PDB file of all heavy atoms in Angstrom:
ATOM      1  N   GLY A   1       0.241   1.126  13.413  1.00  0.00           N
ATOM      2  CA  GLY A   1      -0.702   2.312  13.634  1.00  0.00           C
ATOM      3  C   GLY A   1      -0.299   3.615  12.900  1.00  0.00           C
ATOM      4  O   GLY A   1      -1.154   4.499  12.924  1.00  0.00           O
ATOM      5  N   GLU A   2       0.775   3.606  12.304  1.00  0.00           N
ATOM      6  CA  GLU A   2       1.095   4.796  11.440  1.00  0.00           C
ATOM      7  C   GLU A   2       0.355   4.843  10.213  1.00  0.00           C
ATOM      8  O   GLU A   2      -0.057   3.737   9.660  1.00  0.00           O
ATOM      9  CB  GLU A   2       2.627   4.726  11.243  1.00  0.00           C
ATOM     10  CG  GLU A   2       3.489   4.974  12.372  1.00  0.00           C
ATOM     11  CD  GLU A   2       3.196   6.277  13.087  1.00  0.00           C
ATOM     12  OE1 GLU A   2       3.234   7.257  12.494  1.00  0.00           O
ATOM     13  OE2 GLU A   2       3.108   6.233  14.443  1.00  0.00           O
ATOM     14  N   LEU A   3       0.120   6.011   9.660  1.00  0.00           N
ATOM     15  CA  LEU A   3      -0.536   6.248   8.471  1.00  0.00           C
ATOM     16  C   LEU A   3       0.418   6.357   7.260  1.00  0.00           C
ATOM     17  O   LEU A   3       1.409   6.940   7.251  1.00  0.00           O
ATOM     18  CB  LEU A   3      -1.557   7.467   8.458  1.00  0.00           C
ATOM     19  CG  LEU A   3      -2.612   7.425   9.574  1.00  0.00           C
ATOM     20  CD1 LEU A   3      -3.224   8.723   9.718  1.00  0.00           C
ATOM     21  CD2 LEU A   3      -3.685   6.379   9.235  1.00  0.00           C
ATOM     22  N   VAL A   4      -0.108   5.722   6.122  1.00  0.00           N
ATOM     23  CA  VAL A   4       0.577   5.916   4.820  1.00  0.00           C
ATOM     24  C   VAL A   4      -0.403   6.064   3.738  1.00  0.00           C
ATOM     25  O   VAL A   4      -1.508   5.731   3.831  1.00  0.00           O
ATOM     26  CB  VAL A   4       1.404   4.464   4.574  1.00  0.00           C
ATOM     27  CG1 VAL A   4       2.489   4.255   5.483  1.00  0.00           C
ATOM     28  CG2 VAL A   4       0.497   3.329   4.515  1.00  0.00           C
ATOM     29  N   MET A   5       0.030   6.743   2.785  1.00  0.00           N
ATOM     30  CA  MET A   5      -0.850   7.172   1.568  1.00  0.00           C
ATOM     31  C   MET A   5      -0.628   6.134   0.436  1.00  0.00           C
ATOM     32  O   MET A   5       0.656   6.054  -0.058  1.00  0.00           O
ATOM     33  CB  MET A   5      -0.550   8.598   1.098  1.00  0.00           C
ATOM     34  CG  MET A   5      -1.268   9.013   0.036  1.00  0.00           C
ATOM     35  SD  MET A   5      -3.088   9.044   0.318  1.00  0.00           S
ATOM     36  CE  MET A   5      -3.796   9.844  -0.934  1.00  0.00           C
ATOM     37  N   ILE A   6      -1.554   5.412  -0.113  1.00  0.00           N
ATOM     38  CA  ILE A   6      -1.418   4.563  -1.238  1.00  0.00           C
ATOM     39  C   ILE A   6      -2.146   5.200  -2.344  1.00  0.00           C
ATOM     40  O   ILE A   6      -3.239   5.453  -2.222  1.00  0.00           O
ATOM     41  CB  ILE A   6      -2.045   3.185  -0.828  1.00  0.00           C
ATOM     42  CG1 ILE A   6      -1.309   2.572   0.410  1.00  0.00           C
ATOM     43  CG2 ILE A   6      -2.060   2.338  -2.050  1.00  0.00           C
ATOM     44  CD1 ILE A   6      -1.617   1.134   0.702  1.00  0.00           C
ATOM     45  N   GLU A   7      -1.301   5.406  -3.300  1.00  0.00           N
ATOM     46  CA  GLU A   7      -1.828   6.148  -4.518  1.00  0.00           C
ATOM     47  C   GLU A   7      -2.193   5.042  -5.625  1.00  0.00           C
ATOM     48  O   GLU A   7      -3.106   5.396  -6.451  1.00  0.00           O
ATOM     49  CB  GLU A   7      -0.817   7.045  -5.047  1.00  0.00           C
ATOM     50  CG  GLU A   7      -0.401   8.110  -4.069  1.00  0.00           C
ATOM     51  CD  GLU A   7       0.629   8.962  -4.532  1.00  0.00           C
ATOM     52  OE1 GLU A   7       1.155   8.862  -5.575  1.00  0.00           O
ATOM     53  OE2 GLU A   7       1.103   9.874  -3.788  1.00  0.00           O
ATOM     54  N   ALA A   8      -1.739   3.908  -5.625  1.00  0.00           N
ATOM     55  CA  ALA A   8      -2.129   2.940  -6.693  1.00  0.00           C
ATOM     56  C   ALA A   8      -1.651   1.586  -6.239  1.00  0.00           C
ATOM     57  O   ALA A   8      -0.671   1.264  -5.499  1.00  0.00           O
ATOM     58  CB  ALA A   8      -1.454   3.208  -8.046  1.00  0.00           C
ATOM     59  N   TRP A   9      -2.508   0.523  -6.614  1.00  0.00           N
ATOM     60  CA  TRP A   9      -2.186  -0.873  -6.367  1.00  0.00           C
ATOM     61  C   TRP A   9      -1.740  -1.485  -7.653  1.00  0.00           C
ATOM     62  O   TRP A   9      -2.293  -1.223  -8.651  1.00  0.00           O
ATOM     63  CB  TRP A   9      -3.369  -1.487  -5.696  1.00  0.00           C
ATOM     64  CG  TRP A   9      -3.617  -1.210  -4.312  1.00  0.00           C
ATOM     65  CD1 TRP A   9      -4.594  -0.169  -4.128  1.00  0.00           C
ATOM     66  CD2 TRP A   9      -3.278  -1.656  -3.114  1.00  0.00           C
ATOM     67  NE1 TRP A   9      -4.715  -0.071  -2.674  1.00  0.00           N
ATOM     68  CE2 TRP A   9      -3.821  -0.951  -2.040  1.00  0.00           C
ATOM     69  CE3 TRP A   9      -2.206  -2.591  -2.807  1.00  0.00           C
ATOM     70  CZ2 TRP A   9      -3.537  -1.230  -0.846  1.00  0.00           C
ATOM     71  CZ3 TRP A   9      -2.074  -2.926  -1.433  1.00  0.00           C
ATOM     72  CH2 TRP A   9      -2.637  -2.203  -0.410  1.00  0.00           C
ATOM     73  N   ASP A  10      -0.867  -2.377  -7.619  1.00  0.00           N
ATOM     74  CA  ASP A  10      -0.537  -3.138  -8.854  1.00  0.00           C
ATOM     75  C   ASP A  10      -1.383  -4.476  -8.968  1.00  0.00           C
ATOM     76  O   ASP A  10      -2.066  -4.781  -8.141  1.00  0.00           O
ATOM     77  CB  ASP A  10       0.983  -3.428  -8.990  1.00  0.00           C
ATOM     78  CG  ASP A  10       1.531  -4.292  -7.866  1.00  0.00           C
ATOM     79  OD1 ASP A  10       0.735  -5.014  -7.225  1.00  0.00           O
ATOM     80  OD2 ASP A  10       2.728  -4.303  -7.682  1.00  0.00           O
ATOM     81  N   ALA A  11      -1.038  -5.205 -10.029  1.00  0.00           N
ATOM     82  CA  ALA A  11      -1.849  -6.390 -10.356  1.00  0.00           C
ATOM     83  C   ALA A  11      -1.652  -7.452  -9.318  1.00  0.00           C
ATOM     84  O   ALA A  11      -2.540  -8.380  -9.156  1.00  0.00           O
ATOM     85  CB  ALA A  11      -1.552  -6.834 -11.666  1.00  0.00           C
ATOM     86  N   GLU A  12      -0.517  -7.460  -8.589  1.00  0.00           N
ATOM     87  CA  GLU A  12      -0.229  -8.451  -7.572  1.00  0.00           C
ATOM     88  C   GLU A  12      -0.716  -8.153  -6.263  1.00  0.00           C
ATOM     89  O   GLU A  12      -0.515  -8.895  -5.281  1.00  0.00           O
ATOM     90  CB  GLU A  12       1.363  -8.793  -7.572  1.00  0.00           C
ATOM     91  CG  GLU A  12       1.999  -9.024  -8.839  1.00  0.00           C
ATOM     92  CD  GLU A  12       3.486  -9.043  -8.682  1.00  0.00           C
ATOM     93  OE1 GLU A  12       4.045  -8.736  -7.637  1.00  0.00           O
ATOM     94  OE2 GLU A  12       4.169  -9.520  -9.708  1.00  0.00           O
ATOM     95  N   GLY A  13      -1.479  -7.069  -6.054  1.00  0.00           N
ATOM     96  CA  GLY A  13      -2.012  -6.687  -4.778  1.00  0.00           C
ATOM     97  C   GLY A  13      -1.065  -6.053  -3.891  1.00  0.00           C
ATOM     98  O   GLY A  13      -1.298  -6.004  -2.684  1.00  0.00           O
ATOM     99  N   THR A  14       0.054  -5.360  -4.434  1.00  0.00           N
ATOM    100  CA  THR A  14       0.914  -4.643  -3.671  1.00  0.00           C
ATOM    101  C   THR A  14       0.916  -3.302  -4.107  1.00  0.00           C
ATOM    102  O   THR A  14       0.562  -2.865  -5.153  1.00  0.00           O
ATOM    103  CB  THR A  14       2.384  -5.178  -3.804  1.00  0.00           C
ATOM    104  OG1 THR A  14       2.815  -5.219  -5.040  1.00  0.00           O
ATOM    105  CG2 THR A  14       2.431  -6.775  -3.255  1.00  0.00           C
ATOM    106  N   ALA A  15       1.583  -2.340  -3.234  1.00  0.00           N
ATOM    107  CA  ALA A  15       1.674  -0.962  -3.568  1.00  0.00           C
ATOM    108  C   ALA A  15       3.048  -0.576  -2.942  1.00  0.00           C
ATOM    109  O   ALA A  15       3.534  -1.063  -2.056  1.00  0.00           O
ATOM    110  CB  ALA A  15       0.645  -0.121  -3.012  1.00  0.00           C
ATOM    111  N   VAL A  16       3.684   0.371  -3.760  1.00  0.00           N
ATOM    112  CA  VAL A  16       4.942   1.050  -3.269  1.00  0.00           C
ATOM    113  C   VAL A  16       4.487   2.332  -2.430  1.00  0.00           C
ATOM    114  O   VAL A  16       3.863   3.125  -3.149  1.00  0.00           O
ATOM    115  CB  VAL A  16       5.935   1.214  -4.331  1.00  0.00           C
ATOM    116  CG1 VAL A  16       7.104   2.001  -3.883  1.00  0.00           C
ATOM    117  CG2 VAL A  16       6.193  -0.068  -4.976  1.00  0.00           C
ATOM    118  N   VAL A  17       4.869   2.513  -1.422  1.00  0.00           N
ATOM    119  CA  VAL A  17       4.541   3.615  -0.542  1.00  0.00           C
ATOM    120  C   VAL A  17       5.863   4.371  -0.038  1.00  0.00           C
ATOM    121  O   VAL A  17       6.815   3.698   0.221  1.00  0.00           O
ATOM    122  CB  VAL A  17       3.525   3.417   0.560  1.00  0.00           C
ATOM    123  CG1 VAL A  17       2.249   2.877   0.091  1.00  0.00           C
ATOM    124  CG2 VAL A  17       4.265   2.497   1.593  1.00  0.00           C
ATOM    125  N   LYS A  18       5.789   5.609   0.105  1.00  0.00           N
ATOM    126  CA  LYS A  18       6.841   6.300   0.684  1.00  0.00           C
ATOM    127  C   LYS A  18       6.631   6.536   2.211  1.00  0.00           C
ATOM    128  O   LYS A  18       5.535   7.068   2.614  1.00  0.00           O
ATOM    129  CB  LYS A  18       6.992   7.734   0.069  1.00  0.00           C
ATOM    130  CG  LYS A  18       8.197   8.515   0.491  1.00  0.00           C
ATOM    131  CD  LYS A  18       9.298   8.075  -0.437  1.00  0.00           C
ATOM    132  CE  LYS A  18      10.405   9.128  -0.274  1.00  0.00           C
ATOM    133  NZ  LYS A  18      11.735   8.600  -0.845  1.00  0.00           N
ATOM    134  N   TYR A  19       7.454   5.969   3.022  1.00  0.00           N
ATOM    135  CA  TYR A  19       7.312   5.845   4.448  1.00  0.00           C
ATOM    136  C   TYR A  19       8.631   5.992   5.198  1.00  0.00           C
ATOM    137  O   TYR A  19       9.540   5.194   4.883  1.00  0.00           O
ATOM    138  CB  TYR A  19       6.556   4.613   4.853  1.00  0.00           C
ATOM    139  CG  TYR A  19       6.393   4.457   6.393  1.00  0.00           C
ATOM    140  CD1 TYR A  19       5.742   5.406   6.996  1.00  0.00           C
ATOM    141  CD2 TYR A  19       6.948   3.398   6.998  1.00  0.00           C
ATOM    142  CE1 TYR A  19       5.469   5.227   8.473  1.00  0.00           C
ATOM    143  CE2 TYR A  19       6.839   3.252   8.350  1.00  0.00           C
ATOM    144  CZ  TYR A  19       6.140   4.169   9.130  1.00  0.00           C
ATOM    145  OH  TYR A  19       6.010   4.060  10.436  1.00  0.00           O
ATOM    146  N   ARG A  20       8.883   6.845   6.000  1.00  0.00           N
ATOM    147  CA  ARG A  20      10.094   7.134   6.722  1.00  0.00           C
ATOM    148  C   ARG A  20      11.216   7.299   5.905  1.00  0.00           C
ATOM    149  O   ARG A  20      12.339   6.899   6.076  1.00  0.00           O
ATOM    150  CB  ARG A  20      10.335   5.915   7.675  1.00  0.00           C
ATOM    151  CG  ARG A  20       9.474   5.847   8.906  1.00  0.00           C
ATOM    152  CD  ARG A  20      10.032   4.956  10.074  1.00  0.00           C
ATOM    153  NE  ARG A  20      10.043   3.684   9.572  1.00  0.00           N
ATOM    154  CZ  ARG A  20      10.909   2.695   9.888  1.00  0.00           C
ATOM    155  NH1 ARG A  20      11.843   3.056  10.812  1.00  0.00           N
ATOM    156  NH2 ARG A  20      10.739   1.408   9.572  1.00  0.00           N
ATOM    157  N   GLY A  21      10.971   8.064   4.654  1.00  0.00           N
ATOM    158  CA  GLY A  21      11.960   8.435   3.814  1.00  0.00           C
ATOM    159  C   GLY A  21      12.453   7.260   2.923  1.00  0.00           C
ATOM    160  O   GLY A  21      13.604   7.381   2.262  1.00  0.00           O
ATOM    161  N   ALA A  22      11.744   6.239   2.782  1.00  0.00           N
ATOM    162  CA  ALA A  22      12.152   5.025   1.943  1.00  0.00           C
ATOM    163  C   ALA A  22      10.897   4.519   1.296  1.00  0.00           C
ATOM    164  O   ALA A  22       9.831   4.809   1.696  1.00  0.00           O
ATOM    165  CB  ALA A  22      12.840   4.000   2.778  1.00  0.00           C
ATOM    166  N   ALA A  23      11.323   3.814   0.257  1.00  0.00           N
ATOM    167  CA  ALA A  23      10.054   3.065  -0.486  1.00  0.00           C
ATOM    168  C   ALA A  23       9.830   1.723   0.221  1.00  0.00           C
ATOM    169  O   ALA A  23      10.761   0.835   0.431  1.00  0.00           O
ATOM    170  CB  ALA A  23      10.485   2.954  -1.897  1.00  0.00           C
ATOM    171  N   TRP A  24       8.733   1.432   0.592  1.00  0.00           N
ATOM    172  CA  TRP A  24       8.214   0.204   1.337  1.00  0.00           C
ATOM    173  C   TRP A  24       7.176  -0.404   0.325  1.00  0.00           C
ATOM    174  O   TRP A  24       6.409   0.236  -0.412  1.00  0.00           O
ATOM    175  CB  TRP A  24       7.483   0.462   2.631  1.00  0.00           C
ATOM    176  CG  TRP A  24       8.493   0.836   3.662  1.00  0.00           C
ATOM    177  CD1 TRP A  24       9.100   2.202   3.806  1.00  0.00           C
ATOM    178  CD2 TRP A  24       8.835   0.314   4.799  1.00  0.00           C
ATOM    179  NE1 TRP A  24       9.860   2.230   4.808  1.00  0.00           N
ATOM    180  CE2 TRP A  24       9.740   0.996   5.547  1.00  0.00           C
ATOM    181  CE3 TRP A  24       8.476  -1.018   5.282  1.00  0.00           C
ATOM    182  CZ2 TRP A  24      10.374   0.566   6.777  1.00  0.00           C
ATOM    183  CZ3 TRP A  24       8.965  -1.377   6.580  1.00  0.00           C
ATOM    184  CH2 TRP A  24       9.988  -0.622   7.241  1.00  0.00           C
ATOM    185  N   THR A  25       7.079  -1.753   0.529  1.00  0.00           N
ATOM    186  CA  THR A  25       5.974  -2.401  -0.207  1.00  0.00           C
ATOM    187  C   THR A  25       4.894  -2.614   0.811  1.00  0.00           C
ATOM    188  O   THR A  25       5.056  -3.030   1.862  1.00  0.00           O
ATOM    189  CB  THR A  25       6.524  -3.741  -0.755  1.00  0.00           C
ATOM    190  OG1 THR A  25       7.614  -3.694  -1.537  1.00  0.00           O
ATOM    191  CG2 THR A  25       5.416  -4.550  -1.476  1.00  0.00           C
ATOM    192  N   ALA A  26       3.669  -2.288   0.417  1.00  0.00           N
ATOM    193  CA  ALA A  26       2.518  -2.449   1.155  1.00  0.00           C
ATOM    194  C   ALA A  26       1.536  -3.524   0.587  1.00  0.00           C
ATOM    195  O   ALA A  26       1.613  -3.739  -0.642  1.00  0.00           O
ATOM    196  CB  ALA A  26       1.628  -1.246   1.115  1.00  0.00           C
ATOM    197  N   VAL A  27       1.037  -4.334   1.458  1.00  0.00           N
ATOM    198  CA  VAL A  27       0.094  -5.384   0.944  1.00  0.00           C
ATOM    199  C   VAL A  27      -1.126  -5.126   1.839  1.00  0.00           C
ATOM    200  O   VAL A  27      -1.082  -4.686   2.946  1.00  0.00           O
ATOM    201  CB  VAL A  27       0.653  -6.720   1.216  1.00  0.00           C
ATOM    202  CG1 VAL A  27       1.850  -6.961   0.333  1.00  0.00           C
ATOM    203  CG2 VAL A  27       0.983  -7.102   2.703  1.00  0.00           C
ATOM    204  N   HIS A  28      -2.256  -5.662   1.435  1.00  0.00           N
ATOM    205  CA  HIS A  28      -3.565  -5.574   2.002  1.00  0.00           C
ATOM    206  C   HIS A  28      -3.847  -6.945   2.560  1.00  0.00           C
ATOM    207  O   HIS A  28      -3.348  -7.996   2.177  1.00  0.00           O
ATOM    208  CB  HIS A  28      -4.687  -4.990   1.118  1.00  0.00           C
ATOM    209  CG  HIS A  28      -4.955  -5.872  -0.154  1.00  0.00           C
ATOM    210  ND1 HIS A  28      -5.618  -7.046  -0.163  1.00  0.00           N
ATOM    211  CD2 HIS A  28      -4.381  -5.751  -1.493  1.00  0.00           C
ATOM    212  CE1 HIS A  28      -5.543  -7.522  -1.431  1.00  0.00           C
ATOM    213  NE2 HIS A  28      -4.853  -6.720  -2.122  1.00  0.00           N
ATOM    214  N   ARG A  29      -4.837  -7.051   3.394  1.00  0.00           N
ATOM    215  CA  ARG A  29      -5.264  -8.245   3.951  1.00  0.00           C
ATOM    216  C   ARG A  29      -5.915  -9.067   2.986  1.00  0.00           C
ATOM    217  O   ARG A  29      -6.618  -8.598   2.056  1.00  0.00           O
ATOM    218  CB  ARG A  29      -6.187  -8.008   5.177  1.00  0.00           C
ATOM    219  CG  ARG A  29      -5.614  -7.407   6.409  1.00  0.00           C
ATOM    220  CD  ARG A  29      -6.597  -7.481   7.602  1.00  0.00           C
ATOM    221  NE  ARG A  29      -6.075  -6.757   8.660  1.00  0.00           N
ATOM    222  CZ  ARG A  29      -5.153  -7.331   9.572  1.00  0.00           C
ATOM    223  NH1 ARG A  29      -4.739  -8.529   9.413  1.00  0.00           N
ATOM    224  NH2 ARG A  29      -4.745  -6.489  10.533  1.00  0.00           N
ATOM    225  N   PRO A  30      -5.825 -10.437   3.026  1.00  0.00           N
ATOM    226  CA  PRO A  30      -6.434 -11.309   2.077  1.00  0.00           C
ATOM    227  C   PRO A  30      -7.930 -11.106   2.182  1.00  0.00           C
ATOM    228  O   PRO A  30      -8.594 -11.095   3.366  1.00  0.00           O
ATOM    229  CB  PRO A  30      -6.137 -12.722   2.588  1.00  0.00           C
ATOM    230  CG  PRO A  30      -4.772 -12.566   3.400  1.00  0.00           C
ATOM    231  CD  PRO A  30      -5.009 -11.079   4.062  1.00  0.00           C
ATOM    232  N   GLY A  31      -8.593 -11.144   1.066  1.00  0.00           N
ATOM    233  CA  GLY A  31     -10.038 -10.879   1.044  1.00  0.00           C
ATOM    234  C   GLY A  31     -10.616  -9.547   1.112  1.00  0.00           C
ATOM    235  O   GLY A  31     -11.750  -9.249   1.037  1.00  0.00           O
ATOM    236  N   VAL A  32      -9.623  -8.539   1.254  1.00  0.00           N
ATOM    237  CA  VAL A  32     -10.045  -7.157   1.217  1.00  0.00           C
ATOM    238  C   VAL A  32      -9.777  -6.487  -0.030  1.00  0.00           C
ATOM    239  O   VAL A  32      -8.701  -6.706  -0.692  1.00  0.00           O
ATOM    240  CB  VAL A  32      -9.155  -6.425   2.309  1.00  0.00           C
ATOM    241  CG1 VAL A  32      -9.499  -4.922   2.386  1.00  0.00           C
ATOM    242  CG2 VAL A  32      -9.601  -6.971   3.806  1.00  0.00           C
ATOM    243  N   THR A  33     -10.753  -5.820  -0.464  1.00  0.00           N
ATOM    244  CA  THR A  33     -10.625  -5.178  -1.866  1.00  0.00           C
ATOM    245  C   THR A  33      -9.657  -3.949  -1.635  1.00  0.00           C
ATOM    246  O   THR A  33      -9.980  -3.053  -0.834  1.00  0.00           O
ATOM    247  CB  THR A  33     -11.947  -4.680  -2.398  1.00  0.00           C
ATOM    248  OG1 THR A  33     -12.880  -5.728  -2.376  1.00  0.00           O
ATOM    249  CG2 THR A  33     -11.758  -4.023  -3.764  1.00  0.00           C
ATOM    250  N   PRO A  34      -8.555  -3.933  -2.481  1.00  0.00           N
ATOM    251  CA  PRO A  34      -7.656  -2.796  -2.288  1.00  0.00           C
ATOM    252  C   PRO A  34      -8.300  -1.427  -2.686  1.00  0.00           C
ATOM    253  O   PRO A  34      -9.003  -1.397  -3.765  1.00  0.00           O
ATOM    254  CB  PRO A  34      -6.418  -3.163  -3.124  1.00  0.00           C
ATOM    255  CG  PRO A  34      -6.882  -4.309  -3.984  1.00  0.00           C
ATOM    256  CD  PRO A  34      -8.039  -4.832  -3.357  1.00  0.00           C
ATOM    257  N   SER A  35      -7.961  -0.448  -2.009  1.00  0.00           N
ATOM    258  CA  SER A  35      -8.540   0.924  -2.315  1.00  0.00           C
ATOM    259  C   SER A  35      -7.321   1.917  -2.152  1.00  0.00           C
ATOM    260  O   SER A  35      -6.451   1.741  -1.371  1.00  0.00           O
ATOM    261  CB  SER A  35      -9.682   1.320  -1.388  1.00  0.00           C
ATOM    262  OG  SER A  35      -9.190   1.303  -0.074  1.00  0.00           O
ATOM    263  N   ILE A  36      -7.505   3.003  -2.735  1.00  0.00           N
ATOM    264  CA  ILE A  36      -6.405   4.068  -2.639  1.00  0.00           C
ATOM    265  C   ILE A  36      -6.866   4.987  -1.545  1.00  0.00           C
ATOM    266  O   ILE A  36      -7.964   5.005  -1.168  1.00  0.00           O
ATOM    267  CB  ILE A  36      -6.230   4.784  -4.014  1.00  0.00           C
ATOM    268  CG1 ILE A  36      -7.526   5.551  -4.422  1.00  0.00           C
ATOM    269  CG2 ILE A  36      -5.773   3.942  -5.141  1.00  0.00           C
ATOM    270  CD1 ILE A  36      -7.303   6.395  -5.576  1.00  0.00           C
ATOM    271  N   GLY A  37      -5.832   5.771  -1.099  1.00  0.00           N
ATOM    272  CA  GLY A  37      -6.107   6.755  -0.044  1.00  0.00           C
ATOM    273  C   GLY A  37      -5.256   6.350   1.215  1.00  0.00           C
ATOM    274  O   GLY A  37      -4.245   5.654   1.153  1.00  0.00           O
TER     275      GLY A  37
END
């Protein structure tokens, strides 16, 4: 339920986000077009 800001997606469908003071890998649901924001 927490919010994260995604600035860019890579070719593999993952993004690196800054969350709780660390870098996390974010993934989107299968079949969903990745978007920034």
